[in-house]
Amino acid sequence: MTIREAQKEDFERIWPIFNEVALSGETYAYETNTTKQQAEKIWMRL
């Protein structure tokens, strides 16, 4: 397995995982209504 820093084009595959975690409401780090655009800024540090 190769571990590397995520690139901007990777976010399309990251989003479904991020969204599922946020929607579950089991984390205080992300609001359940976090949008894809907000998540990308947070996760990819744009």
C-alpha atoms as a PDB file:
ATOM      1  CA  MET A   1       0.000   0.000   0.000  1.00  0.00           C
ATOM      2  CA  THR A   2       1.208   3.449  -0.893  1.00  0.00           C
ATOM      3  CA  ILE A   3       0.155   6.325   1.333  1.00  0.00           C
ATOM      4  CA  ARG A   4       0.359   9.790  -0.161  1.00  0.00           C
ATOM      5  CA  GLU A   5      -1.063  13.245   0.442  1.00  0.00           C
ATOM      6  CA  ALA A   6      -4.503  13.681  -1.103  1.00  0.00           C
ATOM      7  CA  GLN A   7      -4.668  15.740  -4.259  1.00  0.00           C
ATOM      8  CA  LYS A   8      -7.541  18.022  -5.320  1.00  0.00           C
ATOM      9  CA  GLU A   9      -8.785  15.445  -7.838  1.00  0.00           C
ATOM     10  CA  ASP A  10      -9.038  12.844  -5.037  1.00  0.00           C
ATOM     11  CA  PHE A  11     -11.824  14.694  -3.268  1.00  0.00           C
ATOM     12  CA  GLU A  12     -14.569  13.200  -5.451  1.00  0.00           C
ATOM     13  CA  ARG A  13     -13.736   9.817  -3.879  1.00  0.00           C
ATOM     14  CA  ILE A  14     -13.223  11.279  -0.384  1.00  0.00           C
ATOM     15  CA  TRP A  15     -16.566  13.120  -0.317  1.00  0.00           C
ATOM     16  CA  PRO A  16     -18.876  10.080   0.072  1.00  0.00           C
ATOM     17  CA  ILE A  17     -16.893   8.905   3.114  1.00  0.00           C
ATOM     18  CA  PHE A  18     -16.680  12.385   4.632  1.00  0.00           C
ATOM     19  CA  ASN A  19     -20.393  12.955   4.052  1.00  0.00           C
ATOM     20  CA  GLU A  20     -21.412   9.652   5.637  1.00  0.00           C
ATOM     21  CA  VAL A  21     -19.343  10.392   8.740  1.00  0.00           C
ATOM     22  CA  ALA A  22     -20.717  13.943   9.054  1.00  0.00           C
ATOM     23  CA  LEU A  23     -24.326  12.871   8.455  1.00  0.00           C
ATOM     24  CA  SER A  24     -24.124  10.201  11.144  1.00  0.00           C
ATOM     25  CA  GLY A  25     -23.842  12.962  13.748  1.00  0.00           C
ATOM     26  CA  GLU A  26     -21.380  10.884  15.746  1.00  0.00           C
ATOM     27  CA  THR A  27     -18.559  13.403  15.477  1.00  0.00           C
ATOM     28  CA  TYR A  28     -18.295  16.884  16.899  1.00  0.00           C
ATOM     29  CA  ALA A  29     -15.680  17.874  14.332  1.00  0.00           C
ATOM     30  CA  TYR A  30     -18.127  18.309  11.445  1.00  0.00           C
ATOM     31  CA  GLU A  31     -21.692  19.600  11.342  1.00  0.00           C
ATOM     32  CA  THR A  32     -24.288  17.211   9.918  1.00  0.00           C
ATOM     33  CA  ASN A  33     -25.173  19.791   7.267  1.00  0.00           C
ATOM     34  CA  THR A  34     -21.604  20.324   5.999  1.00  0.00           C
ATOM     35  CA  THR A  35     -21.784  20.924   2.250  1.00  0.00           C
ATOM     36  CA  LYS A  36     -19.485  19.337  -0.289  1.00  0.00           C
ATOM     37  CA  GLN A  37     -17.837  22.716  -0.912  1.00  0.00           C
ATOM     38  CA  GLN A  38     -17.267  23.296   2.811  1.00  0.00           C
ATOM     39  CA  ALA A  39     -15.929  19.781   3.262  1.00  0.00           C
ATOM     40  CA  GLU A  40     -13.484  20.225   0.404  1.00  0.00           C
ATOM     41  CA  LYS A  41     -12.153  23.425   1.968  1.00  0.00           C
ATOM     42  CA  ILE A  42     -11.809  21.722   5.346  1.00  0.00           C
ATOM     43  CA  TRP A  43     -10.328  18.440   4.156  1.00  0.00           C
ATOM     44  CA  MET A  44      -8.130  19.706   1.354  1.00  0.00           C
ATOM     45  CA  ARG A  45      -7.142  22.927   3.205  1.00  0.00           C
ATOM     46  CA  LEU A  46      -7.983  25.153   0.253  1.00  0.00           C
END
